[in-house]
C-alpha atoms as a PDB file:
ATOM      1  CA  MET A   1      75.193 116.233  67.518  1.00  0.00           C
ATOM      2  CA  TYR A   2      76.149 115.257  71.335  1.00  0.00           C
ATOM      3  CA  ARG A   3      74.394 111.948  70.831  1.00  0.00           C
ATOM      4  CA  LEU A   4      76.618 110.960  67.932  1.00  0.00           C
ATOM      5  CA  ILE A   5      79.839 112.091  69.584  1.00  0.00           C
ATOM      6  CA  LYS A   6      79.025 110.571  73.157  1.00  0.00           C
ATOM      7  CA  PRO A   7      79.605 106.767  72.086  1.00  0.00           C
ATOM      8  CA  VAL A   8      83.074 107.948  71.050  1.00  0.00           C
ATOM      9  CA  PHE A   9      83.766 109.772  74.221  1.00  0.00           C
ATOM     10  CA  PHE A  10      82.497 106.693  76.498  1.00  0.00           C
ATOM     11  CA  GLN A  11      85.158 104.805  75.109  1.00  0.00           C
ATOM     12  CA  PHE A  12      87.777 106.567  76.888  1.00  0.00           C
ATOM     13  CA  ASP A  13      88.564 107.182  80.628  1.00  0.00           C
ATOM     14  CA  PRO A  14      85.939 109.672  81.971  1.00  0.00           C
ATOM     15  CA  GLU A  15      88.452 112.012  83.694  1.00  0.00           C
ATOM     16  CA  LYS A  16      90.601 112.303  80.723  1.00  0.00           C
ATOM     17  CA  VAL A  17      87.616 112.942  78.514  1.00  0.00           C
ATOM     18  CA  HIS A  18      86.315 115.624  80.912  1.00  0.00           C
ATOM     19  CA  HIS A  19      89.544 117.678  80.666  1.00  0.00           C
ATOM     20  CA  PHE A  20      89.703 117.024  77.044  1.00  0.00           C
ATOM     21  CA  VAL A  21      86.136 118.523  76.314  1.00  0.00           C
ATOM     22  CA  VAL A  22      86.170 121.585  78.703  1.00  0.00           C
ATOM     23  CA  LYS A  23      89.516 122.537  77.327  1.00  0.00           C
ATOM     24  CA  ARG A  24      88.381 122.506  73.677  1.00  0.00           C
ATOM     25  CA  LEU A  25      85.058 124.311  74.852  1.00  0.00           C
ATOM     26  CA  ASN A  26      87.265 127.004  76.500  1.00  0.00           C
ATOM     27  CA  TRP A  27      89.304 127.487  73.473  1.00  0.00           C
ATOM     28  CA  PHE A  28      86.216 127.582  71.122  1.00  0.00           C
ATOM     29  CA  HIS A  29      84.743 130.260  73.573  1.00  0.00           C
ATOM     30  CA  ALA A  30      87.978 132.395  73.665  1.00  0.00           C
ATOM     31  CA  HIS A  31      89.701 131.858  70.285  1.00  0.00           C
ATOM     32  CA  PHE A  32      87.320 130.756  67.635  1.00  0.00           C
ATOM     33  CA  PRO A  33      85.842 133.396  65.395  1.00  0.00           C
ATOM     34  CA  PHE A  34      82.348 134.262  67.002  1.00  0.00           C
ATOM     35  CA  GLY A  35      82.768 131.190  69.212  1.00  0.00           C
ATOM     36  CA  LYS A  36      80.924 132.871  72.122  1.00  0.00           C
ATOM     37  CA  THR A  37      78.120 133.873  69.831  1.00  0.00           C
ATOM     38  CA  ILE A  38      77.865 130.639  68.399  1.00  0.00           C
ATOM     39  CA  LEU A  39      77.583 128.842  71.744  1.00  0.00           C
ATOM     40  CA  ARG A  40      75.156 131.349  73.072  1.00  0.00           C
ATOM     41  CA  SER A  41      72.847 131.240  70.213  1.00  0.00           C
ATOM     42  CA  SER A  42      72.983 127.449  70.273  1.00  0.00           C
ATOM     43  CA  PHE A  43      72.364 126.958  73.850  1.00  0.00           C
ATOM     44  CA  ASP A  44      71.615 129.962  76.019  1.00  0.00           C
ATOM     45  CA  VAL A  45      67.864 130.645  76.558  1.00  0.00           C
ATOM     46  CA  GLN A  46      66.927 134.221  77.483  1.00  0.00           C
ATOM     47  CA  ILE A  47      63.514 134.233  78.751  1.00  0.00           C
ATOM     48  CA  LYS A  48      62.176 136.671  81.459  1.00  0.00           C
ATOM     49  CA  GLY A  49      59.649 134.171  82.890  1.00  0.00           C
ATOM     50  CA  LEU A  50      62.587 132.009  83.987  1.00  0.00           C
ATOM     51  CA  GLU A  51      64.257 134.755  86.242  1.00  0.00           C
ATOM     52  CA  ARG A  52      63.987 134.415  89.875  1.00  0.00           C
ATOM     53  CA  GLU A  53      65.455 135.685  93.227  1.00  0.00           C
ATOM     54  CA  VAL A  54      66.542 133.245  95.728  1.00  0.00           C
ATOM     55  CA  PHE A  55      68.422 134.192  99.107  1.00  0.00           C
ATOM     56  CA  GLY A  56      68.855 137.838  97.815  1.00  0.00           C
ATOM     57  CA  ILE A  57      70.505 136.874  94.571  1.00  0.00           C
ATOM     58  CA  LYS A  58      68.899 137.498  91.007  1.00  0.00           C
ATOM     59  CA  PHE A  59      69.281 134.322  88.855  1.00  0.00           C
ATOM     60  CA  LYS A  60      68.617 134.525  85.052  1.00  0.00           C
ATOM     61  CA  ASN A  61      67.206 130.981  85.142  1.00  0.00           C
ATOM     62  CA  PRO A  62      67.165 128.049  87.849  1.00  0.00           C
ATOM     63  CA  VAL A  63      69.415 125.750  86.200  1.00  0.00           C
ATOM     64  CA  GLY A  64      72.756 125.607  87.748  1.00  0.00           C
ATOM     65  CA  LEU A  65      75.954 123.573  87.241  1.00  0.00           C
ATOM     66  CA  ALA A  66      76.961 121.601  90.352  1.00  0.00           C
ATOM     67  CA  ALA A  67      80.272 121.656  91.908  1.00  0.00           C
ATOM     68  CA  GLY A  68      82.855 119.298  90.943  1.00  0.00           C
ATOM     69  CA  PHE A  69      82.751 120.069  87.191  1.00  0.00           C
ATOM     70  CA  ASP A  70      84.841 123.032  87.295  1.00  0.00           C
ATOM     71  CA  LYS A  71      86.811 122.738  90.649  1.00  0.00           C
ATOM     72  CA  ASN A  72      89.316 125.559  90.012  1.00  0.00           C
ATOM     73  CA  GLY A  73      87.213 128.006  88.212  1.00  0.00           C
ATOM     74  CA  GLU A  74      88.957 127.632  84.916  1.00  0.00           C
ATOM     75  CA  TYR A  75      86.146 127.223  82.547  1.00  0.00           C
ATOM     76  CA  ILE A  76      83.360 129.506  83.968  1.00  0.00           C
ATOM     77  CA  GLU A  77      82.636 131.846  81.142  1.00  0.00           C
ATOM     78  CA  ALA A  78      82.607 129.170  78.598  1.00  0.00           C
ATOM     79  CA  LEU A  79      80.269 127.010  80.532  1.00  0.00           C
ATOM     80  CA  SER A  80      78.020 130.058  81.098  1.00  0.00           C
ATOM     81  CA  ASP A  81      77.631 130.302  77.304  1.00  0.00           C
ATOM     82  CA  LEU A  82      75.771 126.932  77.647  1.00  0.00           C
ATOM     83  CA  GLY A  83      72.939 128.650  79.338  1.00  0.00           C
ATOM     84  CA  PHE A  84      73.384 127.921  83.006  1.00  0.00           C
ATOM     85  CA  GLY A  85      71.752 130.219  85.323  1.00  0.00           C
ATOM     86  CA  PHE A  86      74.555 129.837  88.006  1.00  0.00           C
ATOM     87  CA  ILE A  87      77.910 127.848  88.252  1.00  0.00           C
ATOM     88  CA  GLU A  88      79.318 126.565  91.474  1.00  0.00           C
ATOM     89  CA  VAL A  89      82.995 125.876  91.874  1.00  0.00           C
ATOM     90  CA  GLY A  90      85.089 123.706  93.997  1.00  0.00           C
ATOM     91  CA  THR A  91      85.134 121.688  96.274  1.00  0.00           C
ATOM     92  CA  VAL A  92      88.162 123.907  97.259  1.00  0.00           C
ATOM     93  CA  THR A  93      90.574 123.351 100.126  1.00  0.00           C
ATOM     94  CA  PRO A  94      92.896 125.856 101.760  1.00  0.00           C
ATOM     95  CA  LEU A  95      96.065 123.794 100.376  1.00  0.00           C
ATOM     96  CA  PRO A  96      96.270 122.211  96.909  1.00  0.00           C
ATOM     97  CA  GLN A  97      95.752 118.465  97.121  1.00  0.00           C
ATOM     98  CA  PRO A  98      96.184 115.944  94.296  1.00  0.00           C
ATOM     99  CA  GLY A  99      92.985 113.822  95.304  1.00  0.00           C
ATOM    100  CA  ASN A 100      92.959 110.064  95.322  1.00  0.00           C
ATOM    101  CA  ASP A 101      94.751 107.689  93.182  1.00  0.00           C
ATOM    102  CA  LEU A 102      93.718 107.121  89.488  1.00  0.00           C
ATOM    103  CA  PRO A 103      91.406 105.698  88.329  1.00  0.00           C
ATOM    104  CA  ARG A 104      88.768 107.611  90.414  1.00  0.00           C
ATOM    105  CA  MET A 105      85.736 108.092  88.078  1.00  0.00           C
ATOM    106  CA  PHE A 106      83.769 105.433  86.483  1.00  0.00           C
ATOM    107  CA  ARG A 107      80.725 105.547  83.957  1.00  0.00           C
ATOM    108  CA  LEU A 108      77.775 102.944  84.749  1.00  0.00           C
ATOM    109  CA  PRO A 109      75.909 103.509  81.292  1.00  0.00           C
ATOM    110  CA  LYS A 110      73.360 100.895  82.057  1.00  0.00           C
ATOM    111  CA  ASP A 111      72.421 102.710  85.100  1.00  0.00           C
ATOM    112  CA  GLN A 112      73.059 106.084  83.460  1.00  0.00           C
ATOM    113  CA  ALA A 113      75.273 106.892  86.568  1.00  0.00           C
ATOM    114  CA  LEU A 114      78.739 107.723  87.734  1.00  0.00           C
ATOM    115  CA  ILE A 115      80.930 106.559  90.579  1.00  0.00           C
ATOM    116  CA  ASN A 116      83.591 109.130  91.707  1.00  0.00           C
ATOM    117  CA  ARG A 117      86.235 108.915  94.260  1.00  0.00           C
ATOM    118  CA  MET A 118      87.872 112.197  93.393  1.00  0.00           C
ATOM    119  CA  GLY A 119      88.931 113.396  96.846  1.00  0.00           C
ATOM    120  CA  PHE A 120      88.649 117.015  96.697  1.00  0.00           C
ATOM    121  CA  ASN A 121      91.534 117.379  94.037  1.00  0.00           C
ATOM    122  CA  ASN A 122      92.110 121.145  93.570  1.00  0.00           C
ATOM    123  CA  LYS A 123      94.725 123.743  93.119  1.00  0.00           C
ATOM    124  CA  GLY A 124      93.998 125.479  96.682  1.00  0.00           C
ATOM    125  CA  VAL A 125      91.931 128.269  97.512  1.00  0.00           C
ATOM    126  CA  ASP A 126      94.582 131.178  96.714  1.00  0.00           C
ATOM    127  CA  THR A 127      94.647 130.038  93.108  1.00  0.00           C
ATOM    128  CA  LEU A 128      90.892 129.874  92.671  1.00  0.00           C
ATOM    129  CA  ALA A 129      90.428 133.301  94.493  1.00  0.00           C
ATOM    130  CA  GLU A 130      92.853 135.057  92.188  1.00  0.00           C
ATOM    131  CA  ARG A 131      91.254 133.580  89.110  1.00  0.00           C
ATOM    132  CA  LEU A 132      87.805 134.601  90.355  1.00  0.00           C
ATOM    133  CA  ARG A 133      89.055 138.146  91.249  1.00  0.00           C
ATOM    134  CA  LEU A 134      90.086 138.601  87.494  1.00  0.00           C
ATOM    135  CA  LEU A 135      86.792 137.068  86.351  1.00  0.00           C
ATOM    136  CA  LYS A 136      84.550 139.434  88.410  1.00  0.00           C
ATOM    137  CA  VAL A 137      86.526 142.493  86.991  1.00  0.00           C
ATOM    138  CA  LYS A 138      85.576 141.238  83.465  1.00  0.00           C
ATOM    139  CA  ASN A 139      82.210 139.648  84.133  1.00  0.00           C
ATOM    140  CA  LYS A 140      79.872 140.565  86.955  1.00  0.00           C
ATOM    141  CA  GLU A 141      76.838 139.292  85.709  1.00  0.00           C
ATOM    142  CA  ILE A 142      77.674 135.311  86.313  1.00  0.00           C
ATOM    143  CA  VAL A 143      76.420 134.040  89.530  1.00  0.00           C
ATOM    144  CA  ILE A 144      79.267 131.875  90.997  1.00  0.00           C
ATOM    145  CA  GLY A 145      78.947 129.716  94.111  1.00  0.00           C
ATOM    146  CA  GLY A 146      81.875 128.662  96.140  1.00  0.00           C
ATOM    147  CA  ASN A 147      81.780 125.188  97.488  1.00  0.00           C
ATOM    148  CA  ILE A 148      84.166 124.881 100.400  1.00  0.00           C
ATOM    149  CA  GLY A 149      85.922 121.800 102.238  1.00  0.00           C
ATOM    150  CA  LYS A 150      88.703 120.721 104.321  1.00  0.00           C
ATOM    151  CA  ASN A 151      92.032 119.029 103.427  1.00  0.00           C
ATOM    152  CA  LYS A 152      92.468 115.466 103.695  1.00  0.00           C
ATOM    153  CA  LEU A 153      95.069 115.578 106.314  1.00  0.00           C
ATOM    154  CA  THR A 154      93.245 118.164 108.446  1.00  0.00           C
ATOM    155  CA  PRO A 155      91.836 116.423 111.435  1.00  0.00           C
ATOM    156  CA  ASN A 156      88.229 116.756 112.274  1.00  0.00           C
ATOM    157  CA  GLU A 157      88.932 118.694 115.364  1.00  0.00           C
ATOM    158  CA  ASP A 158      90.715 121.135 113.284  1.00  0.00           C
ATOM    159  CA  ALA A 159      88.237 121.402 110.297  1.00  0.00           C
ATOM    160  CA  VAL A 160      86.511 124.615 111.185  1.00  0.00           C
ATOM    161  CA  SER A 161      89.793 126.272 110.496  1.00  0.00           C
ATOM    162  CA  ASP A 162      89.938 125.113 106.978  1.00  0.00           C
ATOM    163  CA  TYR A 163      86.565 126.322 106.111  1.00  0.00           C
ATOM    164  CA  VAL A 164      87.245 129.630 107.855  1.00  0.00           C
ATOM    165  CA  LYS A 165      90.231 130.105 105.547  1.00  0.00           C
ATOM    166  CA  CYS A 166      88.368 129.254 102.245  1.00  0.00           C
ATOM    167  CA  PHE A 167      85.559 131.574 103.434  1.00  0.00           C
ATOM    168  CA  GLU A 168      87.724 134.615 104.112  1.00  0.00           C
ATOM    169  CA  ARG A 169      89.753 134.104 101.034  1.00  0.00           C
ATOM    170  CA  LEU A 170      86.734 133.647  98.644  1.00  0.00           C
ATOM    171  CA  PHE A 171      84.355 136.262 100.371  1.00  0.00           C
ATOM    172  CA  ASP A 172      84.926 138.968  97.841  1.00  0.00           C
ATOM    173  CA  VAL A 173      84.861 136.996  94.803  1.00  0.00           C
ATOM    174  CA  VAL A 174      81.732 134.656  95.049  1.00  0.00           C
ATOM    175  CA  ASP A 175      77.980 135.290  95.282  1.00  0.00           C
ATOM    176  CA  TYR A 176      77.256 132.488  97.728  1.00  0.00           C
ATOM    177  CA  PHE A 177      78.979 129.730  99.695  1.00  0.00           C
ATOM    178  CA  VAL A 178      78.245 125.905  99.978  1.00  0.00           C
ATOM    179  CA  VAL A 179      79.647 124.076 103.032  1.00  0.00           C
ATOM    180  CA  ASN A 180      80.756 120.810 101.958  1.00  0.00           C
ATOM    181  CA  VAL A 181      80.502 118.148 104.707  1.00  0.00           C
ATOM    182  CA  SER A 182      78.700 115.440 102.778  1.00  0.00           C
ATOM    183  CA  SER A 183      81.126 113.975 100.343  1.00  0.00           C
ATOM    184  CA  PRO A 184      82.013 110.351 100.896  1.00  0.00           C
ATOM    185  CA  ASN A 185      85.418 110.567  99.389  1.00  0.00           C
ATOM    186  CA  THR A 186      87.348 112.235 102.149  1.00  0.00           C
ATOM    187  CA  PRO A 187      87.906 109.993 105.197  1.00  0.00           C
ATOM    188  CA  GLY A 188      85.736 111.189 108.258  1.00  0.00           C
ATOM    189  CA  LEU A 189      84.312 114.112 106.510  1.00  0.00           C
ATOM    190  CA  ARG A 190      80.651 112.857 106.794  1.00  0.00           C
ATOM    191  CA  GLU A 191      80.977 112.907 110.467  1.00  0.00           C
ATOM    192  CA  LEU A 192      80.821 116.540 110.488  1.00  0.00           C
ATOM    193  CA  GLN A 193      77.326 116.396 109.645  1.00  0.00           C
ATOM    194  CA  GLU A 194      76.539 115.327 113.235  1.00  0.00           C
ATOM    195  CA  LYS A 195      74.510 117.917 115.048  1.00  0.00           C
ATOM    196  CA  GLU A 196      77.230 119.229 117.408  1.00  0.00           C
ATOM    197  CA  PRO A 197      80.139 119.742 115.060  1.00  0.00           C
ATOM    198  CA  LEU A 198      77.925 121.031 112.276  1.00  0.00           C
ATOM    199  CA  THR A 199      76.168 123.670 114.369  1.00  0.00           C
ATOM    200  CA  ASP A 200      79.597 124.735 115.559  1.00  0.00           C
ATOM    201  CA  LEU A 201      81.017 124.961 112.123  1.00  0.00           C
ATOM    202  CA  LEU A 202      78.093 126.903 110.623  1.00  0.00           C
ATOM    203  CA  LYS A 203      77.696 129.339 113.725  1.00  0.00           C
ATOM    204  CA  THR A 204      81.552 129.957 113.363  1.00  0.00           C
ATOM    205  CA  LEU A 205      81.079 130.911 109.594  1.00  0.00           C
ATOM    206  CA  GLN A 206      77.853 133.074 110.190  1.00  0.00           C
ATOM    207  CA  GLY A 207      79.755 134.862 112.857  1.00  0.00           C
ATOM    208  CA  LEU A 208      82.254 135.938 110.133  1.00  0.00           C
ATOM    209  CA  ASN A 209      79.691 136.596 107.494  1.00  0.00           C
ATOM    210  CA  HIS A 210      79.575 140.375 107.860  1.00  0.00           C
ATOM    211  CA  LYS A 211      82.270 142.377 106.163  1.00  0.00           C
ATOM    212  CA  ASN A 212      81.969 145.880 105.537  1.00  0.00           C
ATOM    213  CA  GLY A 213      78.151 145.575 106.030  1.00  0.00           C
ATOM    214  CA  ILE A 214      77.928 142.764 103.265  1.00  0.00           C
ATOM    215  CA  SER A 215      77.062 139.230 104.009  1.00  0.00           C
ATOM    216  CA  ARG A 216      77.022 136.152 101.652  1.00  0.00           C
ATOM    217  CA  PRO A 217      74.401 133.557 101.686  1.00  0.00           C
ATOM    218  CA  ILE A 218      75.746 130.333 103.195  1.00  0.00           C
ATOM    219  CA  LEU A 219      74.199 126.999 102.160  1.00  0.00           C
ATOM    220  CA  LEU A 220      74.798 123.387 103.696  1.00  0.00           C
ATOM    221  CA  LYS A 221      75.233 120.514 101.185  1.00  0.00           C
ATOM    222  CA  ILE A 222      73.859 117.410 102.613  1.00  0.00           C
ATOM    223  CA  ALA A 223      74.133 113.465 101.711  1.00  0.00           C
ATOM    224  CA  PRO A 224      71.096 111.681 100.458  1.00  0.00           C
ATOM    225  CA  ASP A 225      72.041 108.757 102.928  1.00  0.00           C
ATOM    226  CA  LEU A 226      70.497 110.863 106.275  1.00  0.00           C
ATOM    227  CA  THR A 227      67.797 109.345 108.179  1.00  0.00           C
ATOM    228  CA  ASP A 228      64.597 111.103 108.856  1.00  0.00           C
ATOM    229  CA  GLU A 229      66.054 111.807 112.364  1.00  0.00           C
ATOM    230  CA  GLN A 230      69.127 113.371 110.855  1.00  0.00           C
ATOM    231  CA  LEU A 231      67.193 115.336 108.592  1.00  0.00           C
ATOM    232  CA  ASN A 232      65.118 116.779 111.303  1.00  0.00           C
ATOM    233  CA  ASP A 233      68.546 117.762 112.961  1.00  0.00           C
ATOM    234  CA  ILE A 234      69.663 119.352 109.630  1.00  0.00           C
ATOM    235  CA  VAL A 235      66.460 121.682 109.848  1.00  0.00           C
ATOM    236  CA  ASP A 236      66.828 122.596 113.198  1.00  0.00           C
ATOM    237  CA  ILE A 237      70.604 123.413 112.634  1.00  0.00           C
ATOM    238  CA  VAL A 238      69.766 125.607 109.481  1.00  0.00           C
ATOM    239  CA  ILE A 239      67.103 127.373 111.260  1.00  0.00           C
ATOM    240  CA  GLU A 240      69.210 127.984 114.473  1.00  0.00           C
ATOM    241  CA  SER A 241      72.265 128.909 112.589  1.00  0.00           C
ATOM    242  CA  LYS A 242      70.467 131.152 110.317  1.00  0.00           C
ATOM    243  CA  ILE A 243      72.168 130.222 107.261  1.00  0.00           C
ATOM    244  CA  ALA A 244      70.532 130.876 103.844  1.00  0.00           C
ATOM    245  CA  GLY A 245      69.430 127.162 102.980  1.00  0.00           C
ATOM    246  CA  VAL A 246      70.390 123.627 101.828  1.00  0.00           C
ATOM    247  CA  ILE A 247      71.761 121.862  98.681  1.00  0.00           C
ATOM    248  CA  ALA A 248      70.033 118.516  98.614  1.00  0.00           C
ATOM    249  CA  THR A 249      71.991 116.257  97.772  1.00  0.00           C
ATOM    250  CA  ASN A 250      75.476 115.101  97.423  1.00  0.00           C
ATOM    251  CA  THR A 251      76.214 111.678  96.022  1.00  0.00           C
ATOM    252  CA  THR A 252      75.160 108.448  97.738  1.00  0.00           C
ATOM    253  CA  VAL A 253      77.068 105.354  99.163  1.00  0.00           C
ATOM    254  CA  ASP A 254      73.807 103.116  98.480  1.00  0.00           C
ATOM    255  CA  LYS A 255      74.502 100.942  95.412  1.00  0.00           C
ATOM    256  CA  SER A 256      71.656  98.409  96.092  1.00  0.00           C
ATOM    257  CA  THR A 257      69.720  99.500  93.109  1.00  0.00           C
ATOM    258  CA  LEU A 258      72.507  99.127  90.418  1.00  0.00           C
ATOM    259  CA  THR A 259      72.063  96.861  87.731  1.00  0.00           C
ATOM    260  CA  SER A 260      75.587  97.481  86.019  1.00  0.00           C
ATOM    261  CA  PRO A 261      78.260  94.519  86.316  1.00  0.00           C
ATOM    262  CA  ALA A 262      79.206  93.796  89.823  1.00  0.00           C
ATOM    263  CA  GLU A 263      82.768  94.520  89.457  1.00  0.00           C
ATOM    264  CA  LEU A 264      81.874  98.084  88.398  1.00  0.00           C
ATOM    265  CA  ALA A 265      79.250  98.595  90.638  1.00  0.00           C
ATOM    266  CA  ALA A 266      81.539  97.470  93.421  1.00  0.00           C
ATOM    267  CA  GLU A 267      83.863 100.599  92.821  1.00  0.00           C
ATOM    268  CA  GLN A 268      84.434 102.772  95.922  1.00  0.00           C
ATOM    269  CA  GLY A 269      83.113 106.147  95.809  1.00  0.00           C
ATOM    270  CA  GLY A 270      80.002 108.272  95.737  1.00  0.00           C
ATOM    271  CA  LEU A 271      77.265 107.399  93.168  1.00  0.00           C
ATOM    272  CA  SER A 272      75.515 109.905  91.081  1.00  0.00           C
ATOM    273  CA  GLY A 273      73.012 109.945  88.310  1.00  0.00           C
ATOM    274  CA  LYS A 274      69.473 108.316  87.573  1.00  0.00           C
ATOM    275  CA  PRO A 275      69.832 105.981  90.684  1.00  0.00           C
ATOM    276  CA  LEU A 276      69.835 109.061  93.011  1.00  0.00           C
ATOM    277  CA  THR A 277      66.729 110.696  90.994  1.00  0.00           C
ATOM    278  CA  GLN A 278      64.178 109.457  93.570  1.00  0.00           C
ATOM    279  CA  ARG A 279      65.927 109.654  96.827  1.00  0.00           C
ATOM    280  CA  SER A 280      67.321 113.300  96.225  1.00  0.00           C
ATOM    281  CA  THR A 281      63.729 114.416  95.297  1.00  0.00           C
ATOM    282  CA  GLU A 282      62.311 112.551  98.649  1.00  0.00           C
ATOM    283  CA  VAL A 283      65.092 114.426 100.724  1.00  0.00           C
ATOM    284  CA  ILE A 284      64.033 117.677  99.071  1.00  0.00           C
ATOM    285  CA  ARG A 285      60.193 117.038  99.880  1.00  0.00           C
ATOM    286  CA  TYR A 286      61.085 116.103 103.404  1.00  0.00           C
ATOM    287  CA  LEU A 287      63.038 119.182 104.223  1.00  0.00           C
ATOM    288  CA  SER A 288      60.435 121.396 102.622  1.00  0.00           C
ATOM    289  CA  LYS A 289      57.611 119.937 104.478  1.00  0.00           C
ATOM    290  CA  ARG A 290      59.403 119.462 107.757  1.00  0.00           C
ATOM    291  CA  SER A 291      60.755 123.061 107.826  1.00  0.00           C
ATOM    292  CA  GLY A 292      57.327 124.607 106.471  1.00  0.00           C
ATOM    293  CA  LYS A 293      59.423 126.103 103.575  1.00  0.00           C
ATOM    294  CA  ALA A 294      61.566 128.091 106.056  1.00  0.00           C
ATOM    295  CA  PHE A 295      64.661 128.211 103.745  1.00  0.00           C
ATOM    296  CA  PRO A 296      65.378 127.669 100.133  1.00  0.00           C
ATOM    297  CA  ILE A 297      66.656 124.482  98.722  1.00  0.00           C
ATOM    298  CA  ILE A 298      68.905 123.782  95.608  1.00  0.00           C
ATOM    299  CA  GLY A 299      67.814 120.363  94.344  1.00  0.00           C
ATOM    300  CA  VAL A 300      70.633 118.195  92.691  1.00  0.00           C
ATOM    301  CA  GLY A 301      70.794 114.519  92.083  1.00  0.00           C
ATOM    302  CA  GLY A 302      69.643 112.426  89.079  1.00  0.00           C
ATOM    303  CA  ILE A 303      68.422 115.120  86.861  1.00  0.00           C
ATOM    304  CA  HIS A 304      68.545 113.910  83.184  1.00  0.00           C
ATOM    305  CA  SER A 305      65.358 115.467  81.774  1.00  0.00           C
ATOM    306  CA  ALA A 306      62.963 118.408  82.243  1.00  0.00           C
ATOM    307  CA  GLN A 307      60.615 116.095  84.099  1.00  0.00           C
ATOM    308  CA  ASP A 308      63.153 115.460  86.746  1.00  0.00           C
ATOM    309  CA  ALA A 309      63.638 119.183  87.199  1.00  0.00           C
ATOM    310  CA  LYS A 310      60.080 119.846  87.512  1.00  0.00           C
ATOM    311  CA  ASP A 311      59.701 117.091  90.094  1.00  0.00           C
ATOM    312  CA  LYS A 312      62.372 118.606  92.256  1.00  0.00           C
ATOM    313  CA  LEU A 313      60.957 122.138  91.896  1.00  0.00           C
ATOM    314  CA  GLU A 314      57.425 120.692  92.871  1.00  0.00           C
ATOM    315  CA  ALA A 315      59.024 118.903  95.701  1.00  0.00           C
ATOM    316  CA  GLY A 316      60.416 122.351  97.113  1.00  0.00           C
ATOM    317  CA  ALA A 317      63.304 123.132  95.548  1.00  0.00           C
ATOM    318  CA  SER A 318      63.861 126.718  94.330  1.00  0.00           C
ATOM    319  CA  LEU A 319      66.822 126.083  92.040  1.00  0.00           C
ATOM    320  CA  ILE A 320      68.283 123.040  90.640  1.00  0.00           C
ATOM    321  CA  GLN A 321      71.718 121.700  89.517  1.00  0.00           C
ATOM    322  CA  VAL A 322      73.014 119.273  87.016  1.00  0.00           C
ATOM    323  CA  TYR A 323      76.255 117.232  86.729  1.00  0.00           C
ATOM    324  CA  THR A 324      75.833 113.792  85.704  1.00  0.00           C
ATOM    325  CA  GLY A 325      72.847 114.490  83.504  1.00  0.00           C
ATOM    326  CA  PHE A 326      74.935 117.034  81.732  1.00  0.00           C
ATOM    327  CA  VAL A 327      77.414 114.253  81.104  1.00  0.00           C
ATOM    328  CA  TYR A 328      74.851 111.863  79.963  1.00  0.00           C
ATOM    329  CA  GLU A 329      72.511 114.048  78.044  1.00  0.00           C
ATOM    330  CA  GLY A 330      74.848 116.842  76.717  1.00  0.00           C
ATOM    331  CA  PRO A 331      74.854 120.731  76.569  1.00  0.00           C
ATOM    332  CA  GLU A 332      71.304 120.921  75.573  1.00  0.00           C
ATOM    333  CA  ILE A 333      69.891 119.830  78.633  1.00  0.00           C
ATOM    334  CA  VAL A 334      69.979 123.336  80.212  1.00  0.00           C
ATOM    335  CA  LYS A 335      68.003 124.597  77.173  1.00  0.00           C
ATOM    336  CA  ASN A 336      65.407 121.779  77.288  1.00  0.00           C
ATOM    337  CA  ILE A 337      64.755 122.228  80.994  1.00  0.00           C
ATOM    338  CA  CYS A 338      64.420 125.853  80.640  1.00  0.00           C
ATOM    339  CA  LYS A 339      62.033 125.587  77.782  1.00  0.00           C
ATOM    340  CA  ALA A 340      59.771 123.055  79.602  1.00  0.00           C
ATOM    341  CA  LEU A 341      59.735 125.110  82.588  1.00  0.00           C
ATOM    342  CA  VAL A 342      58.134 128.179  80.733  1.00  0.00           C
END
């Protein structure tokens, strides 16, 4: 079905289509007679062999939805009906912000890729926290990750305070945290991946990570464009700060392999999809070997098939996430991956 609809969707602006689709999915889940049952029977795979426990959390399957798809946590229940083992919301910032100017998302069908320069557009952490609080009252079974960042106008020297605000506000309503310092679409953000500021940020959050005897797993999301030396630093920082693990990887700024028309490939922003498949897997394998499998890795980047997912798990990932593959392959991608893993 999706293969028949996709050519129509691809005739329109990607961001507008995104909002159109998720709003109607949400309506179908909430208001169509037996909508939730239809979605779950069509897409959700309940197989015990897929269950796994990672950083102290039980996942019904290892296939998650990456951050950016549901920034404000508005569609979690409907998306969960599609079979995801966990859903990551955000990136969220302390204050609401509109993000970068439109247009800011571009399809590259020839490369099965996306370029985005969204710029952390979101409604702010207070709105997200309240929405997640209500959701957790209704449904405690959905595993939710909170991806946190800094506001565009916050200088890097004050960035820690933005992450702390998001961390404290979401602590009671998410199952794990992701520290996003690797998006290429917020000016200067990737400078926070350097060893000194990153160590300071993660140690500060870990110092707060005990509330009434409870702690949340904290993961670091890194860019695929890091050198081996920088990846070595990441391993050292993760072990030293004692955070739970790493998400590898975010989007890339390397567009050297693209075959799409030059004017499209030249659009500013982070590249995701098939051109990232190999590099993200290489980063996973490097981190896993370098650390001696000292911490879990969530693998993301260019997963468009069950084989792509298997490659990342075999490289050392404990869990995986999809985004661009979800856009290109449709909602059956979760079921297809899960069946193949069994």
